[in-house]
Amino acid sequence: MVEMQVDGLTLDPDTKSPLVILRSPDDGRFLPLLIGPMEAMALTFVLSGEQLPRPLTHDLLLMTVQALKAAVVGVEIVDIRDGVYYAALLLRRQEGLIRVDCRPSDGIAVALRAGVRIRVHERVLRMAQQERLQQHLRADAAMDMLREADARREAARLTDRLARGKPLDEAASDDDAVGYETLLRSLEPETNRKM
């Protein structure tokens, strides 16, 4: 298990959904977790140290655990399946340790309130890194497809211009000449594959 700290809250640049960023103080590895707006608000309150007049759900859970003569001792993010993270809230009672399944965002909110450790399984960090890499590769592939589609549209436009008897060396504007140069550059060196 890798001990992590909440590094902050931000918005996912693509979905504009809130993210909580966990970071290892030892090696700097990080884990971004998508969370809901209500969870983001709950984390914001505890991170800013704001005291509310009435307890929120996570405060209530912590008070209930304490009233039952137990203690929250940590939260562990233990798995990722199909892009969904799984966590366990660790409670200690006289009888021993109890693991309660929870969403990572809820576990983090309770752990911050209780001042206990947040840990992430090493395998989860590796899988999350692979998933981020695959997302980048998919995004790069999508951008390549968009560029290729743009190049095809531009080629069709310029070919149509030539078909209507407007040679580029005489009647073309500077923009058309630049367009041809850009098109030719985008089609090299894999001309056969891109056409």
C-alpha atoms as a PDB file:
ATOM      1  CA  MET A   1       0.000   0.000   0.000  1.00  0.00           C
ATOM      2  CA  VAL A   2       1.142   3.529  -0.827  1.00  0.00           C
ATOM      3  CA  GLU A   3       0.279   6.275   1.615  1.00  0.00           C
ATOM      4  CA  MET A   4      -1.295   9.259  -0.134  1.00  0.00           C
ATOM      5  CA  GLN A   5      -2.351  12.762   0.796  1.00  0.00           C
ATOM      6  CA  VAL A   6      -5.040  14.958  -0.699  1.00  0.00           C
ATOM      7  CA  ASP A   7      -3.097  17.299  -2.955  1.00  0.00           C
ATOM      8  CA  GLY A   8      -6.154  19.340  -3.913  1.00  0.00           C
ATOM      9  CA  LEU A   9      -9.338  19.589  -5.891  1.00  0.00           C
ATOM     10  CA  THR A  10      -9.601  20.577  -9.535  1.00  0.00           C
ATOM     11  CA  LEU A  11     -11.829  20.121 -12.581  1.00  0.00           C
ATOM     12  CA  ASP A  12     -11.299  17.510 -15.257  1.00  0.00           C
ATOM     13  CA  PRO A  13     -10.382  19.495 -18.392  1.00  0.00           C
ATOM     14  CA  ASP A  14     -12.570  17.311 -20.639  1.00  0.00           C
ATOM     15  CA  THR A  15     -15.691  16.630 -18.574  1.00  0.00           C
ATOM     16  CA  LYS A  16     -15.513  19.655 -16.234  1.00  0.00           C
ATOM     17  CA  SER A  17     -16.312  17.238 -13.384  1.00  0.00           C
ATOM     18  CA  PRO A  18     -14.573  17.645 -10.017  1.00  0.00           C
ATOM     19  CA  LEU A  19     -11.396  15.676  -9.384  1.00  0.00           C
ATOM     20  CA  VAL A  20      -9.670  14.997  -6.101  1.00  0.00           C
ATOM     21  CA  ILE A  21      -5.933  14.528  -6.552  1.00  0.00           C
ATOM     22  CA  LEU A  22      -4.132  12.121  -4.227  1.00  0.00           C
ATOM     23  CA  ARG A  23      -0.339  12.340  -4.177  1.00  0.00           C
ATOM     24  CA  SER A  24       2.313  10.236  -2.491  1.00  0.00           C
ATOM     25  CA  PRO A  25       4.600  12.410  -0.353  1.00  0.00           C
ATOM     26  CA  ASP A  26       7.358   9.812  -0.786  1.00  0.00           C
ATOM     27  CA  ASP A  27       7.641   9.458  -4.562  1.00  0.00           C
ATOM     28  CA  GLY A  28       5.246  12.060  -6.019  1.00  0.00           C
ATOM     29  CA  ARG A  29       2.995   9.536  -7.751  1.00  0.00           C
ATOM     30  CA  PHE A  30      -0.543  10.795  -8.029  1.00  0.00           C
ATOM     31  CA  LEU A  31      -4.036   9.449  -8.502  1.00  0.00           C
ATOM     32  CA  PRO A  32      -6.821  11.669  -9.881  1.00  0.00           C
ATOM     33  CA  LEU A  33     -10.301  10.500  -8.890  1.00  0.00           C
ATOM     34  CA  LEU A  34     -13.504  11.803 -10.461  1.00  0.00           C
ATOM     35  CA  ILE A  35     -15.988  12.743  -7.768  1.00  0.00           C
ATOM     36  CA  GLY A  36     -19.432  14.291  -7.697  1.00  0.00           C
ATOM     37  CA  PRO A  37     -20.112  17.948  -6.951  1.00  0.00           C
ATOM     38  CA  MET A  38     -21.536  17.168  -3.489  1.00  0.00           C
ATOM     39  CA  GLU A  39     -18.445  15.143  -2.573  1.00  0.00           C
ATOM     40  CA  ALA A  40     -16.269  17.997  -3.834  1.00  0.00           C
ATOM     41  CA  MET A  41     -18.190  20.404  -1.594  1.00  0.00           C
ATOM     42  CA  ALA A  42     -17.781  18.083   1.420  1.00  0.00           C
ATOM     43  CA  LEU A  43     -14.031  17.819   0.788  1.00  0.00           C
ATOM     44  CA  THR A  44     -13.731  21.577   0.289  1.00  0.00           C
ATOM     45  CA  PHE A  45     -15.258  22.214   3.724  1.00  0.00           C
ATOM     46  CA  VAL A  46     -12.816  19.931   5.488  1.00  0.00           C
ATOM     47  CA  LEU A  47      -9.766  21.053   3.464  1.00  0.00           C
ATOM     48  CA  SER A  48     -10.515  24.710   4.186  1.00  0.00           C
ATOM     49  CA  GLY A  49     -11.152  23.993   7.866  1.00  0.00           C
ATOM     50  CA  GLU A  50     -14.613  25.523   7.667  1.00  0.00           C
ATOM     51  CA  GLN A  51     -16.843  24.697  10.635  1.00  0.00           C
ATOM     52  CA  LEU A  52     -20.538  24.306   9.864  1.00  0.00           C
ATOM     53  CA  PRO A  53     -23.235  24.761  12.505  1.00  0.00           C
ATOM     54  CA  ARG A  54     -24.733  21.317  11.796  1.00  0.00           C
ATOM     55  CA  PRO A  55     -22.960  18.068  10.830  1.00  0.00           C
ATOM     56  CA  LEU A  56     -22.798  16.952   7.221  1.00  0.00           C
ATOM     57  CA  THR A  57     -23.239  13.285   6.311  1.00  0.00           C
ATOM     58  CA  HIS A  58     -19.538  12.466   6.739  1.00  0.00           C
ATOM     59  CA  ASP A  59     -19.479  14.184  10.141  1.00  0.00           C
ATOM     60  CA  LEU A  60     -22.554  12.210  11.145  1.00  0.00           C
ATOM     61  CA  LEU A  61     -20.930   8.940  10.071  1.00  0.00           C
ATOM     62  CA  LEU A  62     -17.796   9.715  12.077  1.00  0.00           C
ATOM     63  CA  MET A  63     -19.872  10.632  15.173  1.00  0.00           C
ATOM     64  CA  THR A  64     -21.911   7.414  14.788  1.00  0.00           C
ATOM     65  CA  VAL A  65     -18.779   5.270  14.579  1.00  0.00           C
ATOM     66  CA  GLN A  66     -17.428   6.945  17.731  1.00  0.00           C
ATOM     67  CA  ALA A  67     -20.784   6.526  19.542  1.00  0.00           C
ATOM     68  CA  LEU A  68     -20.580   2.791  18.791  1.00  0.00           C
ATOM     69  CA  LYS A  69     -17.190   2.674  20.561  1.00  0.00           C
ATOM     70  CA  ALA A  70     -15.255   2.218  17.343  1.00  0.00           C
ATOM     71  CA  ALA A  71     -12.638   4.345  15.632  1.00  0.00           C
ATOM     72  CA  VAL A  72     -11.914   5.110  12.009  1.00  0.00           C
ATOM     73  CA  VAL A  73      -8.293   4.100  11.444  1.00  0.00           C
ATOM     74  CA  GLY A  74      -7.916   4.616   7.697  1.00  0.00           C
ATOM     75  CA  VAL A  75      -9.236   4.280   4.185  1.00  0.00           C
ATOM     76  CA  GLU A  76      -7.756   2.103   1.474  1.00  0.00           C
ATOM     77  CA  ILE A  77      -8.428   2.339  -2.251  1.00  0.00           C
ATOM     78  CA  VAL A  78      -8.197  -1.316  -3.115  1.00  0.00           C
ATOM     79  CA  ASP A  79      -9.395  -1.905  -6.673  1.00  0.00           C
ATOM     80  CA  ILE A  80     -10.311  -0.438 -10.031  1.00  0.00           C
ATOM     81  CA  ARG A  81     -12.691  -2.266 -12.355  1.00  0.00           C
ATOM     82  CA  ASP A  82     -14.029  -0.813 -15.600  1.00  0.00           C
ATOM     83  CA  GLY A  83     -12.850   2.646 -14.568  1.00  0.00           C
ATOM     84  CA  VAL A  84     -14.626   2.457 -11.185  1.00  0.00           C
ATOM     85  CA  TYR A  85     -12.532   2.702  -8.017  1.00  0.00           C
ATOM     86  CA  TYR A  86     -13.352   0.703  -4.889  1.00  0.00           C
ATOM     87  CA  ALA A  87     -12.351   1.547  -1.350  1.00  0.00           C
ATOM     88  CA  ALA A  88     -12.692   0.250   2.184  1.00  0.00           C
ATOM     89  CA  LEU A  89     -13.120   2.291   5.330  1.00  0.00           C
ATOM     90  CA  LEU A  90     -11.154   0.684   8.167  1.00  0.00           C
ATOM     91  CA  LEU A  91     -12.796   0.688  11.597  1.00  0.00           C
ATOM     92  CA  ARG A  92     -11.306  -0.659  14.805  1.00  0.00           C
ATOM     93  CA  ARG A  93     -13.450  -2.119  17.551  1.00  0.00           C
ATOM     94  CA  GLN A  94     -12.575  -4.240  20.542  1.00  0.00           C
ATOM     95  CA  GLU A  95     -13.218  -7.329  18.439  1.00  0.00           C
ATOM     96  CA  GLY A  96     -10.700  -6.242  15.826  1.00  0.00           C
ATOM     97  CA  LEU A  97     -10.527  -4.509  12.465  1.00  0.00           C
ATOM     98  CA  ILE A  98     -13.661  -4.085  10.349  1.00  0.00           C
ATOM     99  CA  ARG A  99     -13.521  -3.244   6.635  1.00  0.00           C
ATOM    100  CA  VAL A 100     -16.548  -1.386   5.260  1.00  0.00           C
ATOM    101  CA  ASP A 101     -16.964  -1.042   1.497  1.00  0.00           C
ATOM    102  CA  CYS A 102     -17.267   2.608   0.445  1.00  0.00           C
ATOM    103  CA  ARG A 103     -16.791   4.968  -2.454  1.00  0.00           C
ATOM    104  CA  PRO A 104     -13.301   6.461  -2.427  1.00  0.00           C
ATOM    105  CA  SER A 105     -14.646  10.020  -2.206  1.00  0.00           C
ATOM    106  CA  ASP A 106     -16.670   9.179   0.910  1.00  0.00           C
ATOM    107  CA  GLY A 107     -13.776   7.292   2.450  1.00  0.00           C
ATOM    108  CA  ILE A 108     -11.440  10.232   1.805  1.00  0.00           C
ATOM    109  CA  ALA A 109     -13.939  12.695   3.300  1.00  0.00           C
ATOM    110  CA  VAL A 110     -14.258  10.590   6.472  1.00  0.00           C
ATOM    111  CA  ALA A 111     -10.491   9.981   6.665  1.00  0.00           C
ATOM    112  CA  LEU A 112      -9.774  13.705   6.449  1.00  0.00           C
ATOM    113  CA  ARG A 113     -12.272  14.430   9.222  1.00  0.00           C
ATOM    114  CA  ALA A 114     -10.814  11.676  11.405  1.00  0.00           C
ATOM    115  CA  GLY A 115      -7.209  12.629  10.613  1.00  0.00           C
ATOM    116  CA  VAL A 116      -6.270   9.099   9.516  1.00  0.00           C
ATOM    117  CA  ARG A 117      -4.224   7.618   6.680  1.00  0.00           C
ATOM    118  CA  ILE A 118      -5.349   7.328   3.074  1.00  0.00           C
ATOM    119  CA  ARG A 119      -3.645   4.473   1.275  1.00  0.00           C
ATOM    120  CA  VAL A 120      -3.837   3.160  -2.279  1.00  0.00           C
ATOM    121  CA  HIS A 121      -2.985  -0.354  -3.355  1.00  0.00           C
ATOM    122  CA  GLU A 122       0.105  -0.466  -5.591  1.00  0.00           C
ATOM    123  CA  ARG A 123      -1.801  -2.408  -8.262  1.00  0.00           C
ATOM    124  CA  VAL A 124      -4.481   0.319  -8.405  1.00  0.00           C
ATOM    125  CA  LEU A 125      -1.803   2.966  -9.040  1.00  0.00           C
ATOM    126  CA  ARG A 126      -0.313   0.876 -11.867  1.00  0.00           C
ATOM    127  CA  MET A 127      -3.720   0.208 -13.438  1.00  0.00           C
ATOM    128  CA  ALA A 128      -4.720   3.888 -13.169  1.00  0.00           C
ATOM    129  CA  GLN A 129      -1.473   4.912 -14.871  1.00  0.00           C
ATOM    130  CA  GLN A 130      -2.126   2.430 -17.687  1.00  0.00           C
ATOM    131  CA  GLU A 131      -5.688   3.715 -18.035  1.00  0.00           C
ATOM    132  CA  ARG A 132      -4.471   7.342 -18.249  1.00  0.00           C
ATOM    133  CA  LEU A 133      -1.936   6.290 -20.890  1.00  0.00           C
ATOM    134  CA  GLN A 134      -4.673   4.543 -22.898  1.00  0.00           C
ATOM    135  CA  GLN A 135      -6.886   7.630 -22.636  1.00  0.00           C
ATOM    136  CA  HIS A 136      -4.027   9.767 -23.980  1.00  0.00           C
ATOM    137  CA  LEU A 137      -3.461   7.302 -26.821  1.00  0.00           C
ATOM    138  CA  ARG A 138      -7.194   7.321 -27.663  1.00  0.00           C
ATOM    139  CA  ALA A 139      -7.204  11.129 -27.588  1.00  0.00           C
ATOM    140  CA  ASP A 140      -4.125  11.227 -29.841  1.00  0.00           C
ATOM    141  CA  ALA A 141      -5.757   8.755 -32.245  1.00  0.00           C
ATOM    142  CA  ALA A 142      -8.934  10.858 -32.306  1.00  0.00           C
ATOM    143  CA  MET A 143      -6.895  13.996 -33.069  1.00  0.00           C
ATOM    144  CA  ASP A 144      -5.099  12.138 -35.872  1.00  0.00           C
ATOM    145  CA  MET A 145      -8.476  11.124 -37.315  1.00  0.00           C
ATOM    146  CA  LEU A 146      -9.699  14.739 -37.157  1.00  0.00           C
ATOM    147  CA  ARG A 147      -6.546  15.995 -38.849  1.00  0.00           C
ATOM    148  CA  GLU A 148      -6.896  13.338 -41.542  1.00  0.00           C
ATOM    149  CA  ALA A 149     -10.562  14.265 -42.124  1.00  0.00           C
ATOM    150  CA  ASP A 150      -9.594  17.954 -42.356  1.00  0.00           C
ATOM    151  CA  ALA A 151      -6.851  17.096 -44.857  1.00  0.00           C
ATOM    152  CA  ARG A 152      -9.304  15.066 -46.965  1.00  0.00           C
ATOM    153  CA  ARG A 153     -11.825  17.928 -46.982  1.00  0.00           C
ATOM    154  CA  GLU A 154      -9.116  20.388 -47.968  1.00  0.00           C
ATOM    155  CA  ALA A 155      -7.869  18.039 -50.697  1.00  0.00           C
ATOM    156  CA  ALA A 156     -11.422  17.721 -52.047  1.00  0.00           C
ATOM    157  CA  ARG A 157     -11.867  21.519 -52.001  1.00  0.00           C
ATOM    158  CA  LEU A 158      -8.596  22.141 -53.805  1.00  0.00           C
ATOM    159  CA  THR A 159      -9.210  19.305 -56.282  1.00  0.00           C
ATOM    160  CA  ASP A 160     -12.621  20.802 -57.045  1.00  0.00           C
ATOM    161  CA  ARG A 161     -10.941  24.145 -57.664  1.00  0.00           C
ATOM    162  CA  LEU A 162      -8.567  22.538 -60.163  1.00  0.00           C
ATOM    163  CA  ALA A 163     -11.449  20.627 -61.819  1.00  0.00           C
ATOM    164  CA  ARG A 164     -13.222  23.935 -62.441  1.00  0.00           C
ATOM    165  CA  GLY A 165     -10.193  25.073 -64.430  1.00  0.00           C
ATOM    166  CA  LYS A 166      -8.592  27.355 -61.903  1.00  0.00           C
ATOM    167  CA  PRO A 167      -4.890  26.476 -61.888  1.00  0.00           C
ATOM    168  CA  LEU A 168      -3.214  27.230 -58.606  1.00  0.00           C
ATOM    169  CA  ASP A 169      -0.048  28.763 -60.030  1.00  0.00           C
ATOM    170  CA  GLU A 170      -1.986  31.588 -61.719  1.00  0.00           C
ATOM    171  CA  ALA A 171      -5.376  32.171 -60.111  1.00  0.00           C
ATOM    172  CA  ALA A 172      -4.826  30.821 -56.614  1.00  0.00           C
ATOM    173  CA  SER A 173      -4.741  33.084 -53.632  1.00  0.00           C
ATOM    174  CA  ASP A 174      -1.900  32.937 -51.143  1.00  0.00           C
ATOM    175  CA  ASP A 175      -4.272  31.068 -48.809  1.00  0.00           C
ATOM    176  CA  ASP A 176      -4.800  28.327 -51.418  1.00  0.00           C
ATOM    177  CA  ALA A 177      -1.051  27.987 -51.971  1.00  0.00           C
ATOM    178  CA  VAL A 178      -0.492  27.691 -48.219  1.00  0.00           C
ATOM    179  CA  GLY A 179      -3.377  25.203 -48.114  1.00  0.00           C
ATOM    180  CA  TYR A 180      -1.713  22.998 -50.713  1.00  0.00           C
ATOM    181  CA  GLU A 181       1.622  23.145 -48.923  1.00  0.00           C
ATOM    182  CA  THR A 182      -0.029  22.243 -45.619  1.00  0.00           C
ATOM    183  CA  LEU A 183      -1.979  19.439 -47.257  1.00  0.00           C
ATOM    184  CA  LEU A 184       1.128  17.987 -48.880  1.00  0.00           C
ATOM    185  CA  ARG A 185       3.038  18.146 -45.581  1.00  0.00           C
ATOM    186  CA  SER A 186       0.192  16.411 -43.736  1.00  0.00           C
ATOM    187  CA  LEU A 187       0.171  13.572 -46.273  1.00  0.00           C
ATOM    188  CA  GLU A 188       3.890  12.802 -46.002  1.00  0.00           C
ATOM    189  CA  PRO A 189       5.593  10.432 -45.426  1.00  0.00           C
ATOM    190  CA  GLU A 190       2.610   8.058 -45.280  1.00  0.00           C
ATOM    191  CA  THR A 191       0.896   9.236 -48.459  1.00  0.00           C
ATOM    192  CA  ASN A 192      -0.410   5.811 -49.446  1.00  0.00           C
ATOM    193  CA  ARG A 193      -2.011   5.186 -46.058  1.00  0.00           C
ATOM    194  CA  LYS A 194      -3.574   8.634 -45.714  1.00  0.00           C
ATOM    195  CA  MET A 195      -5.044   8.835 -49.247  1.00  0.00           C
END
